[in-house]
């Protein structure tokens, strides 16, 4: 009787050990893609030709994966002007530039007397994109109207 109980217990231990060995997975599940948002401080709506507007950005990640890289590009559908980083890098439209950090500043300088708009795209190395649009009314239009009267 003791031999039967010992054989049954030995079988249960052996079955348990086999389940533990074969149920394990060598693959570690690491999440790499985390959503993110971009916030800005309020930006002036009126700008004169030659005047510069500062845009302050904050990148907000929902999670952190060390190898994630962030990039910026811009496009200007209306008006003319230049966009540059705080370090002096002048952007070319639709070119991709690495972000200097999670908090950064851009400077837009008007080169037009018309209404202006810039679309800024922030994207990560996994293809997620956040678009921000900034529109500026030119203060020179008000001066023209006053001179006509």
C-alpha atoms as a PDB file:
ATOM      1  CA  UNK A   1       0.000   0.000   0.000  1.00  0.00           C
ATOM      2  CA  UNK A   2       2.837   2.398   0.871  1.00  0.00           C
ATOM      3  CA  UNK A   3       4.473   1.563  -2.464  1.00  0.00           C
ATOM      4  CA  UNK A   4       1.315   2.489  -4.385  1.00  0.00           C
ATOM      5  CA  UNK A   5       0.950   5.811  -2.541  1.00  0.00           C
ATOM      6  CA  UNK A   6       4.653   6.563  -3.091  1.00  0.00           C
ATOM      7  CA  UNK A   7       4.323   5.803  -6.840  1.00  0.00           C
ATOM      8  CA  UNK A   8       1.227   8.012  -7.095  1.00  0.00           C
ATOM      9  CA  UNK A   9       3.004  10.890  -5.281  1.00  0.00           C
ATOM     10  CA  UNK A  10       6.081  10.393  -7.472  1.00  0.00           C
ATOM     11  CA  UNK A  11       3.859  10.569 -10.574  1.00  0.00           C
ATOM     12  CA  UNK A  12       2.172  13.765  -9.326  1.00  0.00           C
ATOM     13  CA  UNK A  13       5.561  15.392  -8.616  1.00  0.00           C
ATOM     14  CA  UNK A  14       6.859  14.343 -12.032  1.00  0.00           C
ATOM     15  CA  UNK A  15       3.723  15.664 -13.764  1.00  0.00           C
ATOM     16  CA  UNK A  16       4.009  18.968 -11.837  1.00  0.00           C
ATOM     17  CA  UNK A  17       7.666  19.354 -12.768  1.00  0.00           C
ATOM     18  CA  UNK A  18       6.888  18.698 -16.443  1.00  0.00           C
ATOM     19  CA  UNK A  19       4.112  21.298 -16.400  1.00  0.00           C
ATOM     20  CA  UNK A  20       6.442  23.881 -14.888  1.00  0.00           C
ATOM     21  CA  UNK A  21       9.215  23.211 -17.392  1.00  0.00           C
ATOM     22  CA  UNK A  22       7.079  23.149 -20.529  1.00  0.00           C
ATOM     23  CA  UNK A  23       4.714  25.972 -19.609  1.00  0.00           C
ATOM     24  CA  UNK A  24       7.481  28.567 -19.324  1.00  0.00           C
ATOM     25  CA  UNK A  25       8.131  30.922 -22.231  1.00  0.00           C
ATOM     26  CA  UNK A  26      11.576  32.355 -22.895  1.00  0.00           C
ATOM     27  CA  UNK A  27      10.138  35.435 -24.593  1.00  0.00           C
ATOM     28  CA  UNK A  28       9.880  38.562 -22.471  1.00  0.00           C
ATOM     29  CA  UNK A  29       6.907  40.742 -23.379  1.00  0.00           C
ATOM     30  CA  UNK A  30       8.273  44.306 -23.539  1.00  0.00           C
ATOM     31  CA  UNK A  31       5.972  47.111 -24.604  1.00  0.00           C
ATOM     32  CA  UNK A  32       7.762  49.496 -26.935  1.00  0.00           C
ATOM     33  CA  UNK A  33       5.007  51.687 -28.343  1.00  0.00           C
ATOM     34  CA  UNK A  34       3.378  54.158 -25.958  1.00  0.00           C
ATOM     35  CA  UNK A  35       0.913  56.890 -26.953  1.00  0.00           C
ATOM     36  CA  UNK A  36       2.035  60.485 -26.470  1.00  0.00           C
ATOM     37  CA  UNK A  37       0.572  63.967 -26.621  1.00  0.00           C
ATOM     38  CA  UNK A  38       2.110  67.392 -27.164  1.00  0.00           C
ATOM     39  CA  UNK A  39       0.986  70.505 -25.292  1.00  0.00           C
ATOM     40  CA  UNK A  40       1.950  74.122 -25.877  1.00  0.00           C
ATOM     41  CA  UNK A  41       1.771  77.339 -23.961  1.00  0.00           C
ATOM     42  CA  UNK A  42      -0.630  79.905 -25.480  1.00  0.00           C
ATOM     43  CA  UNK A  43       0.735  81.367 -28.720  1.00  0.00           C
ATOM     44  CA  UNK A  44       0.107  84.883 -29.998  1.00  0.00           C
ATOM     45  CA  UNK A  45      -2.425  85.138 -32.822  1.00  0.00           C
ATOM     46  CA  UNK A  46      -1.209  88.395 -34.402  1.00  0.00           C
ATOM     47  CA  UNK A  47       2.213  88.946 -35.880  1.00  0.00           C
ATOM     48  CA  UNK A  48       3.825  91.676 -37.971  1.00  0.00           C
ATOM     49  CA  UNK A  49       6.149  91.066 -40.884  1.00  0.00           C
ATOM     50  CA  UNK A  50       9.633  90.462 -39.465  1.00  0.00           C
ATOM     51  CA  UNK A  51       8.303  89.747 -35.960  1.00  0.00           C
ATOM     52  CA  UNK A  52       9.086  86.467 -34.179  1.00  0.00           C
ATOM     53  CA  UNK A  53       6.623  84.364 -32.165  1.00  0.00           C
ATOM     54  CA  UNK A  54       7.825  81.867 -29.562  1.00  0.00           C
ATOM     55  CA  UNK A  55       6.092  78.482 -29.285  1.00  0.00           C
ATOM     56  CA  UNK A  56       6.833  76.407 -26.159  1.00  0.00           C
ATOM     57  CA  UNK A  57       6.254  72.658 -26.381  1.00  0.00           C
ATOM     58  CA  UNK A  58       5.981  69.836 -23.861  1.00  0.00           C
ATOM     59  CA  UNK A  59       6.017  66.191 -24.983  1.00  0.00           C
ATOM     60  CA  UNK A  60       3.894  64.031 -22.659  1.00  0.00           C
ATOM     61  CA  UNK A  61       4.527  60.278 -22.814  1.00  0.00           C
ATOM     62  CA  UNK A  62       2.091  57.714 -21.420  1.00  0.00           C
ATOM     63  CA  UNK A  63       4.948  55.262 -20.914  1.00  0.00           C
ATOM     64  CA  UNK A  64       8.694  55.187 -21.293  1.00  0.00           C
ATOM     65  CA  UNK A  65      10.711  53.028 -23.678  1.00  0.00           C
ATOM     66  CA  UNK A  66      14.344  54.086 -23.754  1.00  0.00           C
ATOM     67  CA  UNK A  67      14.942  53.500 -27.484  1.00  0.00           C
ATOM     68  CA  UNK A  68      11.998  55.626 -28.645  1.00  0.00           C
ATOM     69  CA  UNK A  69      13.158  58.604 -30.700  1.00  0.00           C
ATOM     70  CA  UNK A  70      11.046  61.666 -31.468  1.00  0.00           C
ATOM     71  CA  UNK A  71      11.207  63.832 -34.587  1.00  0.00           C
ATOM     72  CA  UNK A  72       9.679  67.069 -35.830  1.00  0.00           C
ATOM     73  CA  UNK A  73       8.767  68.438 -39.247  1.00  0.00           C
ATOM     74  CA  UNK A  74       6.647  71.335 -40.416  1.00  0.00           C
ATOM     75  CA  UNK A  75       4.720  72.505 -43.440  1.00  0.00           C
ATOM     76  CA  UNK A  76       3.450  76.019 -44.207  1.00  0.00           C
ATOM     77  CA  UNK A  77       0.267  75.963 -46.311  1.00  0.00           C
ATOM     78  CA  UNK A  78      -0.411  79.735 -45.967  1.00  0.00           C
ATOM     79  CA  UNK A  79       1.942  82.702 -45.905  1.00  0.00           C
ATOM     80  CA  UNK A  80       5.726  82.824 -45.689  1.00  0.00           C
ATOM     81  CA  UNK A  81       8.089  82.662 -42.775  1.00  0.00           C
ATOM     82  CA  UNK A  82      10.876  80.696 -41.131  1.00  0.00           C
ATOM     83  CA  UNK A  83      10.770  78.271 -38.248  1.00  0.00           C
ATOM     84  CA  UNK A  84      13.820  77.587 -36.108  1.00  0.00           C
ATOM     85  CA  UNK A  85      14.786  75.802 -32.920  1.00  0.00           C
ATOM     86  CA  UNK A  86      16.198  77.502 -29.860  1.00  0.00           C
ATOM     87  CA  UNK A  87      19.680  76.246 -30.835  1.00  0.00           C
ATOM     88  CA  UNK A  88      19.455  78.169 -34.142  1.00  0.00           C
ATOM     89  CA  UNK A  89      18.631  75.253 -36.474  1.00  0.00           C
ATOM     90  CA  UNK A  90      16.437  76.639 -39.268  1.00  0.00           C
ATOM     91  CA  UNK A  91      13.845  74.136 -40.485  1.00  0.00           C
ATOM     92  CA  UNK A  92      13.230  73.376 -44.119  1.00  0.00           C
ATOM     93  CA  UNK A  93       9.604  72.465 -44.887  1.00  0.00           C
ATOM     94  CA  UNK A  94       8.871  68.724 -44.724  1.00  0.00           C
ATOM     95  CA  UNK A  95      12.397  67.776 -43.551  1.00  0.00           C
ATOM     96  CA  UNK A  96      12.625  65.559 -40.473  1.00  0.00           C
ATOM     97  CA  UNK A  97      14.663  66.758 -37.465  1.00  0.00           C
ATOM     98  CA  UNK A  98      15.331  64.990 -34.152  1.00  0.00           C
ATOM     99  CA  UNK A  99      13.733  66.581 -31.101  1.00  0.00           C
ATOM    100  CA  UNK A 100      16.234  68.018 -28.624  1.00  0.00           C
ATOM    101  CA  UNK A 101      14.214  66.840 -25.599  1.00  0.00           C
ATOM    102  CA  UNK A 102      10.752  66.560 -24.137  1.00  0.00           C
ATOM    103  CA  UNK A 103      10.579  70.315 -23.461  1.00  0.00           C
ATOM    104  CA  UNK A 104      11.648  72.609 -26.283  1.00  0.00           C
ATOM    105  CA  UNK A 105      10.955  75.945 -27.995  1.00  0.00           C
ATOM    106  CA  UNK A 106      10.456  76.916 -31.603  1.00  0.00           C
ATOM    107  CA  UNK A 107      10.558  80.432 -33.048  1.00  0.00           C
ATOM    108  CA  UNK A 108       8.464  81.440 -36.057  1.00  0.00           C
ATOM    109  CA  UNK A 109       9.470  84.628 -37.891  1.00  0.00           C
ATOM    110  CA  UNK A 110       6.944  86.157 -40.280  1.00  0.00           C
ATOM    111  CA  UNK A 111       8.081  87.013 -43.806  1.00  0.00           C
ATOM    112  CA  UNK A 112       4.663  87.836 -45.189  1.00  0.00           C
ATOM    113  CA  UNK A 113       1.922  90.452 -44.934  1.00  0.00           C
ATOM    114  CA  UNK A 114      -0.771  87.788 -45.449  1.00  0.00           C
ATOM    115  CA  UNK A 115      -2.419  85.448 -42.999  1.00  0.00           C
ATOM    116  CA  UNK A 116      -0.032  82.631 -42.122  1.00  0.00           C
ATOM    117  CA  UNK A 117      -0.409  79.060 -40.958  1.00  0.00           C
ATOM    118  CA  UNK A 118       2.120  76.419 -39.977  1.00  0.00           C
ATOM    119  CA  UNK A 119       1.427  72.733 -39.373  1.00  0.00           C
ATOM    120  CA  UNK A 120       3.874  71.031 -37.034  1.00  0.00           C
ATOM    121  CA  UNK A 121       4.136  67.251 -36.943  1.00  0.00           C
ATOM    122  CA  UNK A 122       5.783  65.439 -34.024  1.00  0.00           C
ATOM    123  CA  UNK A 123       6.332  61.737 -34.610  1.00  0.00           C
ATOM    124  CA  UNK A 124       8.027  58.876 -32.844  1.00  0.00           C
ATOM    125  CA  UNK A 125      10.235  56.107 -34.221  1.00  0.00           C
ATOM    126  CA  UNK A 126       7.199  53.783 -34.351  1.00  0.00           C
ATOM    127  CA  UNK A 127       5.175  55.962 -36.750  1.00  0.00           C
ATOM    128  CA  UNK A 128       2.772  57.638 -34.315  1.00  0.00           C
ATOM    129  CA  UNK A 129       2.151  61.290 -35.272  1.00  0.00           C
ATOM    130  CA  UNK A 130       0.692  64.304 -33.435  1.00  0.00           C
ATOM    131  CA  UNK A 131      -0.199  67.351 -35.577  1.00  0.00           C
ATOM    132  CA  UNK A 132      -0.474  70.905 -34.266  1.00  0.00           C
ATOM    133  CA  UNK A 133      -1.629  73.882 -36.344  1.00  0.00           C
ATOM    134  CA  UNK A 134      -0.801  77.518 -35.610  1.00  0.00           C
ATOM    135  CA  UNK A 135      -2.454  80.400 -37.463  1.00  0.00           C
ATOM    136  CA  UNK A 136      -1.232  83.990 -37.354  1.00  0.00           C
ATOM    137  CA  UNK A 137      -3.118  87.059 -38.543  1.00  0.00           C
ATOM    138  CA  UNK A 138      -0.818  89.753 -39.816  1.00  0.00           C
ATOM    139  CA  UNK A 139      -1.090  93.064 -37.982  1.00  0.00           C
ATOM    140  CA  UNK A 140      -0.038  94.873 -41.161  1.00  0.00           C
ATOM    141  CA  UNK A 141      -3.576  94.284 -42.516  1.00  0.00           C
ATOM    142  CA  UNK A 142      -5.002  96.564 -39.793  1.00  0.00           C
ATOM    143  CA  UNK A 143      -2.499  99.297 -40.675  1.00  0.00           C
ATOM    144  CA  UNK A 144      -3.498  99.096 -44.380  1.00  0.00           C
ATOM    145  CA  UNK A 145      -7.181  99.449 -43.478  1.00  0.00           C
ATOM    146  CA  UNK A 146      -6.467 102.470 -41.250  1.00  0.00           C
ATOM    147  CA  UNK A 147      -4.455 104.156 -44.046  1.00  0.00           C
ATOM    148  CA  UNK A 148      -7.320 103.709 -46.524  1.00  0.00           C
ATOM    149  CA  UNK A 149      -9.804 105.572 -44.283  1.00  0.00           C
END
